[in-house]
Amino acid sequence: MQRTPLDNCASFDPETLELLTRAFDEAWPSLAGRCHGYLNMQLKRDALASIIVKLAQNGERDVETLKTTALQAFAQIERPWGR
């Protein structure tokens, strides 16, 4: 069973993947309550994971920075979707 959309991300070493998963797990509760239906939840989970991966591809490894920056970026892309 897939725990997060990051579980199958093979482009990072296990230590980095653990940091990314932690950032995702800590950021997700801020968004989970705003999901309306399963598809909406999956789209938001995938979008958040994609943002975190992009940040990591750019070299970010600090969990707090990953989490905070990902949530800020998510807020920018969420506006057109509505809440």
N, C-alpha and C. Protein backbone atom coordinates (compact mmCIF):
# COMPACT_ATOMS: atom_id res chain seq x y z
N MET A 1 0.84 -1.19 0.00
CA MET A 1 0.00 0.00 0.00
C MET A 1 0.88 1.24 0.00
N GLN A 2 0.58 2.17 -0.88
CA GLN A 2 1.35 3.40 -0.99
C GLN A 2 0.96 4.34 0.15
N ARG A 3 1.96 4.79 0.89
CA ARG A 3 1.72 5.67 2.02
C ARG A 3 1.62 7.12 1.58
N THR A 4 2.53 7.56 0.71
CA THR A 4 2.49 8.91 0.15
C THR A 4 2.83 8.82 -1.33
N PRO A 5 2.56 9.87 -2.07
CA PRO A 5 2.95 9.87 -3.48
C PRO A 5 4.46 9.81 -3.67
N LEU A 6 5.22 9.98 -2.60
CA LEU A 6 6.68 9.95 -2.69
C LEU A 6 7.25 8.54 -2.59
N ASP A 7 6.45 7.58 -2.21
CA ASP A 7 6.95 6.23 -1.97
C ASP A 7 7.65 5.61 -3.18
N ASN A 8 7.21 5.93 -4.36
CA ASN A 8 7.80 5.32 -5.55
C ASN A 8 8.79 6.25 -6.26
N CYS A 9 9.26 7.25 -5.58
CA CYS A 9 10.20 8.22 -6.15
C CYS A 9 11.62 7.67 -6.00
N ALA A 10 12.12 7.06 -7.06
CA ALA A 10 13.42 6.37 -7.00
C ALA A 10 14.60 7.28 -7.31
N SER A 11 14.37 8.55 -7.57
CA SER A 11 15.47 9.43 -7.96
C SER A 11 16.27 9.98 -6.78
N PHE A 12 15.90 9.60 -5.56
CA PHE A 12 16.60 10.08 -4.37
C PHE A 12 17.09 8.89 -3.55
N ASP A 13 18.17 9.13 -2.80
CA ASP A 13 18.67 8.09 -1.91
C ASP A 13 17.68 7.91 -0.75
N PRO A 14 17.76 6.79 -0.04
CA PRO A 14 16.79 6.51 1.02
C PRO A 14 16.74 7.59 2.12
N GLU A 15 17.88 8.17 2.46
CA GLU A 15 17.89 9.20 3.51
C GLU A 15 17.14 10.45 3.05
N THR A 16 17.38 10.85 1.82
CA THR A 16 16.69 12.03 1.28
C THR A 16 15.20 11.75 1.14
N LEU A 17 14.86 10.57 0.67
CA LEU A 17 13.46 10.21 0.53
C LEU A 17 12.75 10.23 1.88
N GLU A 18 13.45 9.83 2.92
CA GLU A 18 12.87 9.89 4.27
C GLU A 18 12.59 11.34 4.67
N LEU A 19 13.50 12.27 4.35
CA LEU A 19 13.29 13.69 4.65
C LEU A 19 12.10 14.24 3.87
N LEU A 20 12.00 13.86 2.61
CA LEU A 20 10.90 14.34 1.78
C LEU A 20 9.56 13.81 2.29
N THR A 21 9.56 12.56 2.66
CA THR A 21 8.33 11.96 3.20
C THR A 21 7.93 12.63 4.50
N ARG A 22 8.92 12.92 5.33
CA ARG A 22 8.62 13.62 6.59
C ARG A 22 8.02 15.00 6.32
N ALA A 23 8.61 15.73 5.37
CA ALA A 23 8.08 17.05 5.02
C ALA A 23 6.64 16.92 4.51
N PHE A 24 6.40 15.94 3.66
CA PHE A 24 5.05 15.71 3.15
C PHE A 24 4.09 15.39 4.30
N ASP A 25 4.48 14.46 5.17
CA ASP A 25 3.62 14.05 6.27
C ASP A 25 3.30 15.20 7.22
N GLU A 26 4.25 16.11 7.40
CA GLU A 26 4.01 17.25 8.28
C GLU A 26 3.20 18.35 7.60
N ALA A 27 3.32 18.47 6.28
CA ALA A 27 2.59 19.50 5.55
C ALA A 27 1.15 19.08 5.23
N TRP A 28 0.95 17.80 4.97
CA TRP A 28 -0.36 17.33 4.49
C TRP A 28 -1.52 17.68 5.41
N PRO A 29 -1.42 17.56 6.73
CA PRO A 29 -2.58 17.89 7.57
C PRO A 29 -3.10 19.31 7.37
N SER A 30 -2.25 20.22 6.95
CA SER A 30 -2.69 21.60 6.69
C SER A 30 -3.63 21.68 5.49
N LEU A 31 -3.56 20.69 4.61
CA LEU A 31 -4.39 20.68 3.40
C LEU A 31 -5.52 19.68 3.45
N ALA A 32 -5.36 18.64 4.21
CA ALA A 32 -6.31 17.52 4.20
C ALA A 32 -7.74 17.94 4.49
N GLY A 33 -7.93 18.86 5.41
CA GLY A 33 -9.28 19.29 5.78
C GLY A 33 -9.98 20.08 4.69
N ARG A 34 -9.24 20.49 3.67
CA ARG A 34 -9.83 21.28 2.59
C ARG A 34 -10.14 20.43 1.37
N CYS A 35 -10.09 19.13 1.51
CA CYS A 35 -10.37 18.24 0.38
C CYS A 35 -11.85 17.91 0.33
N HIS A 36 -12.35 17.89 -0.88
CA HIS A 36 -13.76 17.57 -1.10
C HIS A 36 -13.84 16.38 -2.04
N GLY A 37 -13.85 15.20 -1.47
CA GLY A 37 -13.93 13.98 -2.27
C GLY A 37 -12.57 13.37 -2.50
N TYR A 38 -12.61 12.10 -2.88
CA TYR A 38 -11.39 11.31 -3.05
C TYR A 38 -10.49 11.86 -4.16
N LEU A 39 -11.07 12.20 -5.31
CA LEU A 39 -10.27 12.69 -6.43
C LEU A 39 -9.59 14.01 -6.07
N ASN A 40 -10.31 14.89 -5.43
CA ASN A 40 -9.74 16.17 -5.00
C ASN A 40 -8.58 15.93 -4.04
N MET A 41 -8.75 14.99 -3.13
CA MET A 41 -7.70 14.67 -2.17
C MET A 41 -6.46 14.14 -2.90
N GLN A 42 -6.67 13.22 -3.83
CA GLN A 42 -5.53 12.64 -4.56
C GLN A 42 -4.80 13.69 -5.38
N LEU A 43 -5.54 14.57 -6.03
CA LEU A 43 -4.92 15.64 -6.81
C LEU A 43 -4.07 16.54 -5.91
N LYS A 44 -4.60 16.86 -4.76
CA LYS A 44 -3.86 17.73 -3.84
C LYS A 44 -2.64 17.02 -3.26
N ARG A 45 -2.77 15.74 -2.95
CA ARG A 45 -1.63 14.98 -2.44
C ARG A 45 -0.52 14.91 -3.50
N ASP A 46 -0.91 14.64 -4.73
CA ASP A 46 0.07 14.56 -5.81
C ASP A 46 0.73 15.91 -6.07
N ALA A 47 -0.05 16.98 -6.02
CA ALA A 47 0.50 18.32 -6.25
C ALA A 47 1.50 18.69 -5.15
N LEU A 48 1.15 18.41 -3.90
CA LEU A 48 2.05 18.70 -2.79
C LEU A 48 3.33 17.89 -2.92
N ALA A 49 3.21 16.63 -3.24
CA ALA A 49 4.39 15.78 -3.40
C ALA A 49 5.27 16.29 -4.54
N SER A 50 4.66 16.70 -5.63
CA SER A 50 5.42 17.21 -6.77
C SER A 50 6.20 18.47 -6.41
N ILE A 51 5.58 19.33 -5.65
CA ILE A 51 6.27 20.55 -5.20
C ILE A 51 7.47 20.20 -4.34
N ILE A 52 7.29 19.28 -3.41
CA ILE A 52 8.38 18.87 -2.52
C ILE A 52 9.51 18.24 -3.33
N VAL A 53 9.18 17.42 -4.30
CA VAL A 53 10.20 16.80 -5.16
C VAL A 53 10.97 17.87 -5.92
N LYS A 54 10.26 18.85 -6.49
CA LYS A 54 10.94 19.93 -7.22
C LYS A 54 11.91 20.68 -6.32
N LEU A 55 11.47 20.96 -5.11
CA LEU A 55 12.35 21.66 -4.16
C LEU A 55 13.59 20.83 -3.88
N ALA A 56 13.40 19.54 -3.70
CA ALA A 56 14.54 18.65 -3.43
C ALA A 56 15.46 18.54 -4.64
N GLN A 57 14.89 18.53 -5.83
CA GLN A 57 15.71 18.49 -7.05
C GLN A 57 16.57 19.74 -7.17
N ASN A 58 16.10 20.82 -6.56
CA ASN A 58 16.87 22.06 -6.54
C ASN A 58 17.84 22.12 -5.36
N GLY A 59 17.93 21.03 -4.60
CA GLY A 59 18.93 20.93 -3.55
C GLY A 59 18.44 21.12 -2.13
N GLU A 60 17.17 21.45 -1.94
CA GLU A 60 16.68 21.68 -0.57
C GLU A 60 16.57 20.36 0.19
N ARG A 61 17.08 20.36 1.42
CA ARG A 61 17.03 19.15 2.24
C ARG A 61 16.52 19.41 3.67
N ASP A 62 16.23 20.67 4.00
CA ASP A 62 15.73 21.00 5.33
C ASP A 62 14.22 20.75 5.38
N VAL A 63 13.79 19.92 6.31
CA VAL A 63 12.38 19.52 6.39
C VAL A 63 11.47 20.72 6.60
N GLU A 64 11.83 21.62 7.50
CA GLU A 64 10.98 22.79 7.75
C GLU A 64 10.87 23.68 6.53
N THR A 65 11.98 23.88 5.84
CA THR A 65 11.96 24.70 4.63
C THR A 65 11.15 24.02 3.53
N LEU A 66 11.33 22.72 3.38
CA LEU A 66 10.55 21.97 2.39
C LEU A 66 9.06 22.13 2.67
N LYS A 67 8.69 21.94 3.91
CA LYS A 67 7.28 22.00 4.30
C LYS A 67 6.71 23.40 4.09
N THR A 68 7.38 24.40 4.60
CA THR A 68 6.89 25.78 4.52
C THR A 68 6.82 26.27 3.08
N THR A 69 7.87 26.04 2.34
CA THR A 69 7.91 26.49 0.95
C THR A 69 6.89 25.74 0.10
N ALA A 70 6.73 24.45 0.35
CA ALA A 70 5.74 23.67 -0.40
C ALA A 70 4.32 24.17 -0.13
N LEU A 71 4.02 24.47 1.11
CA LEU A 71 2.68 24.97 1.43
C LEU A 71 2.44 26.34 0.80
N GLN A 72 3.46 27.19 0.78
CA GLN A 72 3.32 28.50 0.14
C GLN A 72 3.10 28.34 -1.37
N ALA A 73 3.88 27.47 -1.98
CA ALA A 73 3.72 27.22 -3.41
C ALA A 73 2.36 26.60 -3.72
N PHE A 74 1.92 25.70 -2.87
CA PHE A 74 0.62 25.07 -3.06
C PHE A 74 -0.49 26.10 -3.01
N ALA A 75 -0.39 27.06 -2.09
CA ALA A 75 -1.41 28.10 -1.98
C ALA A 75 -1.53 28.88 -3.29
N GLN A 76 -0.41 29.06 -3.98
CA GLN A 76 -0.43 29.77 -5.26
C GLN A 76 -1.15 28.98 -6.35
N ILE A 77 -0.93 27.67 -6.37
CA ILE A 77 -1.59 26.87 -7.42
C ILE A 77 -3.01 26.48 -7.05
N GLU A 78 -3.33 26.53 -5.77
CA GLU A 78 -4.67 26.13 -5.33
C GLU A 78 -5.72 27.17 -5.67
N ARG A 79 -5.35 28.39 -5.76
CA ARG A 79 -6.33 29.46 -6.01
C ARG A 79 -7.25 29.18 -7.19
N PRO A 80 -6.70 28.78 -8.35
CA PRO A 80 -7.61 28.50 -9.47
C PRO A 80 -8.55 27.31 -9.22
N TRP A 81 -8.14 26.36 -8.37
CA TRP A 81 -8.99 25.20 -8.08
C TRP A 81 -10.15 25.57 -7.18
N GLY A 82 -9.92 26.56 -6.37
CA GLY A 82 -10.89 26.88 -5.32
C GLY A 82 -10.67 25.94 -4.16
N ARG A 83 -11.29 26.21 -3.08
CA ARG A 83 -11.11 25.39 -1.89
C ARG A 83 -12.26 24.50 -1.79
